[in-house]
Amino acid sequence: QVQLVESGGGLVQPGGSLSFSCAASGCIFSINSMAWYRQGSGKQRDFFAATTSAGGTTYADFEKCRFTFSRDNTKSAVYLQMNNLKPEDTAIYYCNYNDRTAGNYWGKGTLVFVSS
């Protein structure tokens, strides 16, 4: 079993910034990937960004310059920094963990609400 604990998110005005973190614990395999997904109201859950324990990072096709995705293998944690937020960034952001031994796990999600 793998547990994911997310923190961050909240209400922010357009143009503001938010940061998130997600820490994995439990039976973690040394080779794994951790990712962020987001799901807007009435929309499907979309891939956002992912990084492997080897250091490779993959981003979805969006305005990557507004977001910074990082990882700390010593803490089995990933971080997401979002800047210049827009109302269309309003969504629930989910952390995901995957490895070939433990399987696929989701965090509970954290809400980001961008509004003036």
N, C-alpha and C. Protein backbone atom coordinates (compact mmCIF):
# COMPACT_ATOMS: atom_id res chain seq x y z
N GLN A 1 0.83 -1.19 0.00
CA GLN A 1 0.00 0.00 0.00
C GLN A 1 0.87 1.25 0.00
N VAL A 2 0.40 2.22 -0.71
CA VAL A 2 1.07 3.51 -0.78
C VAL A 2 0.07 4.59 -0.37
N GLN A 3 0.49 5.49 0.47
CA GLN A 3 -0.35 6.61 0.89
C GLN A 3 0.21 7.90 0.30
N LEU A 4 -0.69 8.75 -0.16
CA LEU A 4 -0.31 10.04 -0.72
C LEU A 4 -0.95 11.14 0.12
N VAL A 5 -0.13 12.07 0.57
CA VAL A 5 -0.63 13.20 1.35
C VAL A 5 -0.35 14.47 0.57
N GLU A 6 -1.42 15.17 0.20
CA GLU A 6 -1.31 16.41 -0.56
C GLU A 6 -1.50 17.60 0.36
N SER A 7 -0.87 18.68 0.03
CA SER A 7 -1.09 19.93 0.76
C SER A 7 -0.96 21.09 -0.20
N GLY A 8 -1.60 22.19 0.15
CA GLY A 8 -1.57 23.38 -0.69
C GLY A 8 -2.94 23.62 -1.30
N GLY A 9 -2.97 24.46 -2.31
CA GLY A 9 -4.24 24.80 -2.95
C GLY A 9 -4.99 25.87 -2.19
N GLY A 10 -6.21 26.14 -2.64
CA GLY A 10 -7.04 27.13 -1.99
C GLY A 10 -7.61 28.14 -2.95
N LEU A 11 -8.03 29.27 -2.41
CA LEU A 11 -8.63 30.35 -3.20
C LEU A 11 -7.57 31.40 -3.52
N VAL A 12 -7.54 31.82 -4.76
CA VAL A 12 -6.56 32.82 -5.16
C VAL A 12 -7.17 33.72 -6.23
N GLN A 13 -6.75 34.94 -6.27
CA GLN A 13 -7.22 35.87 -7.30
C GLN A 13 -6.47 35.64 -8.60
N PRO A 14 -7.09 36.00 -9.72
CA PRO A 14 -6.37 35.89 -11.00
C PRO A 14 -5.03 36.61 -10.95
N GLY A 15 -4.03 35.96 -11.50
CA GLY A 15 -2.68 36.51 -11.46
C GLY A 15 -1.88 36.08 -10.25
N GLY A 16 -2.53 35.45 -9.30
CA GLY A 16 -1.86 35.01 -8.09
C GLY A 16 -1.10 33.71 -8.29
N SER A 17 -0.51 33.24 -7.19
CA SER A 17 0.29 32.03 -7.22
C SER A 17 -0.13 31.07 -6.11
N LEU A 18 0.08 29.82 -6.35
CA LEU A 18 -0.16 28.78 -5.36
C LEU A 18 0.91 27.72 -5.51
N SER A 19 1.13 26.99 -4.43
CA SER A 19 2.05 25.86 -4.49
C SER A 19 1.43 24.66 -3.82
N PHE A 20 1.81 23.52 -4.29
CA PHE A 20 1.32 22.25 -3.79
C PHE A 20 2.49 21.34 -3.45
N SER A 21 2.20 20.37 -2.61
CA SER A 21 3.15 19.29 -2.41
C SER A 21 2.39 17.99 -2.27
N CYS A 22 3.07 16.90 -2.56
CA CYS A 22 2.48 15.57 -2.43
C CYS A 22 3.59 14.64 -1.98
N ALA A 23 3.38 13.98 -0.87
CA ALA A 23 4.38 13.07 -0.34
C ALA A 23 3.83 11.65 -0.32
N ALA A 24 4.63 10.74 -0.80
CA ALA A 24 4.25 9.33 -0.82
C ALA A 24 4.93 8.60 0.34
N SER A 25 4.21 7.68 0.93
CA SER A 25 4.76 6.85 2.00
C SER A 25 4.20 5.45 1.89
N GLY A 26 4.82 4.54 2.60
CA GLY A 26 4.36 3.15 2.56
C GLY A 26 5.34 2.29 1.79
N CYS A 27 4.81 1.34 1.04
CA CYS A 27 5.64 0.41 0.31
C CYS A 27 6.01 1.00 -1.05
N ILE A 28 7.03 1.84 -1.05
CA ILE A 28 7.42 2.56 -2.25
C ILE A 28 8.57 1.84 -2.93
N PHE A 29 8.40 1.63 -4.22
CA PHE A 29 9.45 1.02 -5.02
C PHE A 29 10.40 2.11 -5.46
N SER A 30 11.69 1.78 -5.54
CA SER A 30 12.69 2.79 -5.86
C SER A 30 12.51 3.38 -7.26
N ILE A 31 11.93 2.58 -8.16
CA ILE A 31 11.68 3.08 -9.52
C ILE A 31 10.19 3.37 -9.63
N ASN A 32 9.84 4.63 -9.73
CA ASN A 32 8.43 4.99 -9.74
C ASN A 32 8.23 6.28 -10.50
N SER A 33 7.00 6.61 -10.73
CA SER A 33 6.67 7.91 -11.29
C SER A 33 5.61 8.56 -10.40
N MET A 34 5.68 9.87 -10.32
CA MET A 34 4.68 10.65 -9.60
C MET A 34 4.21 11.76 -10.52
N ALA A 35 2.94 12.03 -10.43
CA ALA A 35 2.35 12.95 -11.40
C ALA A 35 1.26 13.80 -10.77
N TRP A 36 0.92 14.87 -11.48
CA TRP A 36 -0.22 15.70 -11.14
C TRP A 36 -1.23 15.62 -12.27
N TYR A 37 -2.49 15.50 -11.88
CA TYR A 37 -3.61 15.58 -12.81
C TYR A 37 -4.54 16.69 -12.30
N ARG A 38 -5.40 17.16 -13.15
CA ARG A 38 -6.40 18.11 -12.69
C ARG A 38 -7.73 17.85 -13.37
N GLN A 39 -8.79 18.19 -12.64
CA GLN A 39 -10.14 17.93 -13.13
C GLN A 39 -11.00 19.14 -12.85
N GLY A 40 -11.40 19.82 -13.91
CA GLY A 40 -12.31 20.95 -13.78
C GLY A 40 -13.74 20.47 -13.62
N SER A 41 -14.62 21.36 -13.20
CA SER A 41 -16.02 21.00 -13.00
C SER A 41 -16.64 20.49 -14.29
N GLY A 42 -17.20 19.31 -14.24
CA GLY A 42 -17.85 18.74 -15.41
C GLY A 42 -16.91 18.22 -16.48
N LYS A 43 -15.63 18.16 -16.15
CA LYS A 43 -14.64 17.72 -17.13
C LYS A 43 -13.97 16.43 -16.68
N GLN A 44 -13.26 15.80 -17.59
CA GLN A 44 -12.52 14.60 -17.24
C GLN A 44 -11.23 14.98 -16.54
N ARG A 45 -10.65 14.01 -15.87
CA ARG A 45 -9.38 14.22 -15.20
C ARG A 45 -8.27 14.18 -16.25
N ASP A 46 -7.54 15.26 -16.34
CA ASP A 46 -6.50 15.38 -17.37
C ASP A 46 -5.11 15.32 -16.77
N PHE A 47 -4.23 14.69 -17.51
CA PHE A 47 -2.82 14.65 -17.14
C PHE A 47 -2.24 16.05 -17.19
N PHE A 48 -1.37 16.32 -16.24
CA PHE A 48 -0.78 17.65 -16.12
C PHE A 48 0.73 17.60 -16.27
N ALA A 49 1.38 16.82 -15.41
CA ALA A 49 2.84 16.68 -15.46
C ALA A 49 3.24 15.46 -14.67
N ALA A 50 4.35 14.85 -15.05
CA ALA A 50 4.84 13.67 -14.35
C ALA A 50 6.35 13.66 -14.33
N THR A 51 6.90 13.03 -13.32
CA THR A 51 8.34 12.87 -13.23
C THR A 51 8.65 11.49 -12.69
N THR A 52 9.72 10.90 -13.19
CA THR A 52 10.13 9.59 -12.72
C THR A 52 11.23 9.72 -11.68
N SER A 53 11.47 8.63 -10.97
CA SER A 53 12.54 8.63 -9.97
C SER A 53 13.90 8.80 -10.62
N ALA A 54 13.99 8.51 -11.92
CA ALA A 54 15.25 8.69 -12.64
C ALA A 54 15.46 10.14 -13.05
N GLY A 55 14.44 10.98 -12.91
CA GLY A 55 14.60 12.41 -13.17
C GLY A 55 13.93 12.93 -14.42
N GLY A 56 13.38 12.07 -15.24
CA GLY A 56 12.70 12.53 -16.44
C GLY A 56 11.38 13.19 -16.10
N THR A 57 11.04 14.25 -16.84
CA THR A 57 9.79 14.99 -16.60
C THR A 57 9.02 15.12 -17.90
N THR A 58 7.73 14.94 -17.80
CA THR A 58 6.83 15.05 -18.95
C THR A 58 5.72 16.03 -18.59
N TYR A 59 5.43 16.94 -19.50
CA TYR A 59 4.37 17.90 -19.30
C TYR A 59 3.29 17.70 -20.34
N ALA A 60 2.06 17.99 -19.96
CA ALA A 60 0.99 18.04 -20.94
C ALA A 60 1.19 19.28 -21.80
N ASP A 61 0.47 19.33 -22.88
CA ASP A 61 0.62 20.45 -23.80
C ASP A 61 -0.19 21.63 -23.29
N PHE A 62 0.42 22.49 -22.50
CA PHE A 62 -0.25 23.67 -21.99
C PHE A 62 0.81 24.73 -21.73
N GLU A 63 0.42 25.80 -21.05
CA GLU A 63 1.35 26.91 -20.81
C GLU A 63 2.36 26.54 -19.74
N LYS A 64 3.36 25.77 -20.11
CA LYS A 64 4.32 25.26 -19.14
C LYS A 64 5.08 26.37 -18.44
N CYS A 65 5.19 27.53 -19.05
CA CYS A 65 5.98 28.60 -18.45
C CYS A 65 5.35 29.12 -17.17
N ARG A 66 4.08 28.85 -16.94
CA ARG A 66 3.43 29.34 -15.72
C ARG A 66 3.58 28.37 -14.56
N PHE A 67 4.09 27.17 -14.84
CA PHE A 67 4.13 26.13 -13.82
C PHE A 67 5.53 25.55 -13.67
N THR A 68 5.85 25.20 -12.44
CA THR A 68 7.12 24.55 -12.15
C THR A 68 6.84 23.27 -11.39
N PHE A 69 7.35 22.19 -11.92
CA PHE A 69 7.12 20.87 -11.34
C PHE A 69 8.46 20.32 -10.89
N SER A 70 8.55 19.91 -9.63
CA SER A 70 9.83 19.42 -9.12
C SER A 70 9.61 18.21 -8.24
N ARG A 71 10.72 17.56 -7.91
CA ARG A 71 10.64 16.31 -7.17
C ARG A 71 11.83 16.21 -6.22
N ASP A 72 11.59 15.59 -5.06
CA ASP A 72 12.63 15.31 -4.10
C ASP A 72 12.57 13.82 -3.79
N ASN A 73 13.49 13.07 -4.38
CA ASN A 73 13.48 11.61 -4.20
C ASN A 73 13.75 11.21 -2.76
N THR A 74 14.51 12.01 -2.03
CA THR A 74 14.82 11.66 -0.63
C THR A 74 13.57 11.70 0.25
N LYS A 75 12.58 12.46 -0.19
CA LYS A 75 11.32 12.57 0.56
C LYS A 75 10.15 11.91 -0.16
N SER A 76 10.44 11.31 -1.32
CA SER A 76 9.36 10.73 -2.14
C SER A 76 8.23 11.74 -2.32
N ALA A 77 8.61 12.94 -2.67
CA ALA A 77 7.64 14.03 -2.78
C ALA A 77 7.78 14.76 -4.10
N VAL A 78 6.65 15.30 -4.56
CA VAL A 78 6.64 16.15 -5.73
C VAL A 78 6.00 17.48 -5.37
N TYR A 79 6.37 18.49 -6.11
CA TYR A 79 5.92 19.84 -5.82
C TYR A 79 5.45 20.49 -7.10
N LEU A 80 4.44 21.34 -6.97
CA LEU A 80 3.92 22.07 -8.11
C LEU A 80 3.77 23.53 -7.73
N GLN A 81 4.43 24.39 -8.45
CA GLN A 81 4.32 25.83 -8.24
C GLN A 81 3.57 26.41 -9.43
N MET A 82 2.48 27.10 -9.18
CA MET A 82 1.67 27.68 -10.25
C MET A 82 1.65 29.19 -10.10
N ASN A 83 1.98 29.88 -11.16
CA ASN A 83 2.03 31.34 -11.16
C ASN A 83 1.07 31.91 -12.20
N ASN A 84 0.74 33.18 -12.01
CA ASN A 84 -0.15 33.87 -12.96
C ASN A 84 -1.41 33.03 -13.23
N LEU A 85 -2.04 32.64 -12.16
CA LEU A 85 -3.20 31.75 -12.29
C LEU A 85 -4.36 32.45 -12.97
N LYS A 86 -5.11 31.65 -13.71
CA LYS A 86 -6.26 32.15 -14.47
C LYS A 86 -7.52 31.41 -14.01
N PRO A 87 -8.69 31.99 -14.22
CA PRO A 87 -9.92 31.30 -13.80
C PRO A 87 -10.04 29.89 -14.39
N GLU A 88 -9.52 29.69 -15.58
CA GLU A 88 -9.61 28.36 -16.20
C GLU A 88 -8.71 27.33 -15.53
N ASP A 89 -7.85 27.78 -14.62
CA ASP A 89 -7.04 26.85 -13.84
C ASP A 89 -7.83 26.28 -12.66
N THR A 90 -9.02 26.80 -12.43
CA THR A 90 -9.86 26.28 -11.34
C THR A 90 -10.14 24.81 -11.57
N ALA A 91 -9.80 23.99 -10.60
CA ALA A 91 -9.95 22.54 -10.74
C ALA A 91 -9.55 21.87 -9.44
N ILE A 92 -9.82 20.60 -9.37
CA ILE A 92 -9.26 19.78 -8.31
C ILE A 92 -7.97 19.17 -8.86
N TYR A 93 -6.92 19.32 -8.11
CA TYR A 93 -5.61 18.82 -8.53
C TYR A 93 -5.30 17.54 -7.76
N TYR A 94 -4.97 16.50 -8.49
CA TYR A 94 -4.73 15.20 -7.89
C TYR A 94 -3.27 14.77 -8.07
N CYS A 95 -2.74 14.17 -7.03
CA CYS A 95 -1.41 13.57 -7.08
C CYS A 95 -1.57 12.09 -7.41
N ASN A 96 -0.66 11.58 -8.20
CA ASN A 96 -0.69 10.18 -8.60
C ASN A 96 0.68 9.54 -8.40
N TYR A 97 0.65 8.30 -7.93
CA TYR A 97 1.89 7.54 -7.76
C TYR A 97 1.73 6.22 -8.52
N ASN A 98 2.78 5.81 -9.20
CA ASN A 98 2.71 4.55 -9.94
C ASN A 98 4.06 3.86 -9.94
N ASP A 99 4.05 2.58 -9.63
CA ASP A 99 5.22 1.75 -9.87
C ASP A 99 4.74 0.35 -10.20
N ARG A 100 5.58 -0.45 -10.81
CA ARG A 100 5.16 -1.74 -11.34
C ARG A 100 4.94 -2.78 -10.26
N THR A 101 5.36 -2.48 -9.04
CA THR A 101 5.16 -3.42 -7.94
C THR A 101 3.92 -3.10 -7.12
N ALA A 102 3.83 -1.86 -6.64
CA ALA A 102 2.71 -1.45 -5.79
C ALA A 102 1.47 -1.13 -6.60
N GLY A 103 1.65 -0.64 -7.82
CA GLY A 103 0.50 -0.30 -8.64
C GLY A 103 0.28 1.20 -8.74
N ASN A 104 -0.97 1.58 -8.89
CA ASN A 104 -1.35 2.97 -9.15
C ASN A 104 -2.19 3.51 -7.99
N TYR A 105 -1.81 4.69 -7.49
CA TYR A 105 -2.50 5.28 -6.35
C TYR A 105 -2.79 6.75 -6.62
N TRP A 106 -3.92 7.20 -6.02
CA TRP A 106 -4.33 8.60 -6.15
C TRP A 106 -4.42 9.27 -4.79
N GLY A 107 -4.06 10.54 -4.76
CA GLY A 107 -4.34 11.34 -3.59
C GLY A 107 -5.81 11.74 -3.58
N LYS A 108 -6.25 12.37 -2.49
CA LYS A 108 -7.66 12.75 -2.36
C LYS A 108 -8.01 13.97 -3.19
N GLY A 109 -7.00 14.70 -3.61
CA GLY A 109 -7.25 15.89 -4.42
C GLY A 109 -7.30 17.14 -3.57
N THR A 110 -6.88 18.24 -4.17
CA THR A 110 -6.94 19.52 -3.49
C THR A 110 -7.51 20.56 -4.45
N LEU A 111 -8.39 21.40 -3.94
CA LEU A 111 -9.11 22.34 -4.79
C LEU A 111 -8.34 23.64 -4.96
N VAL A 112 -8.27 24.06 -6.21
CA VAL A 112 -7.76 25.39 -6.53
C VAL A 112 -8.91 26.17 -7.14
N PHE A 113 -9.20 27.34 -6.57
CA PHE A 113 -10.30 28.17 -7.07
C PHE A 113 -9.75 29.54 -7.37
N VAL A 114 -9.78 29.89 -8.65
CA VAL A 114 -9.23 31.16 -9.09
C VAL A 114 -10.38 32.10 -9.42
N SER A 115 -10.53 33.12 -8.61
CA SER A 115 -11.64 34.04 -8.80
C SER A 115 -11.34 35.37 -8.15
N SER A 116 -11.89 36.42 -8.73
CA SER A 116 -11.74 37.74 -8.14
C SER A 116 -12.91 38.03 -7.23
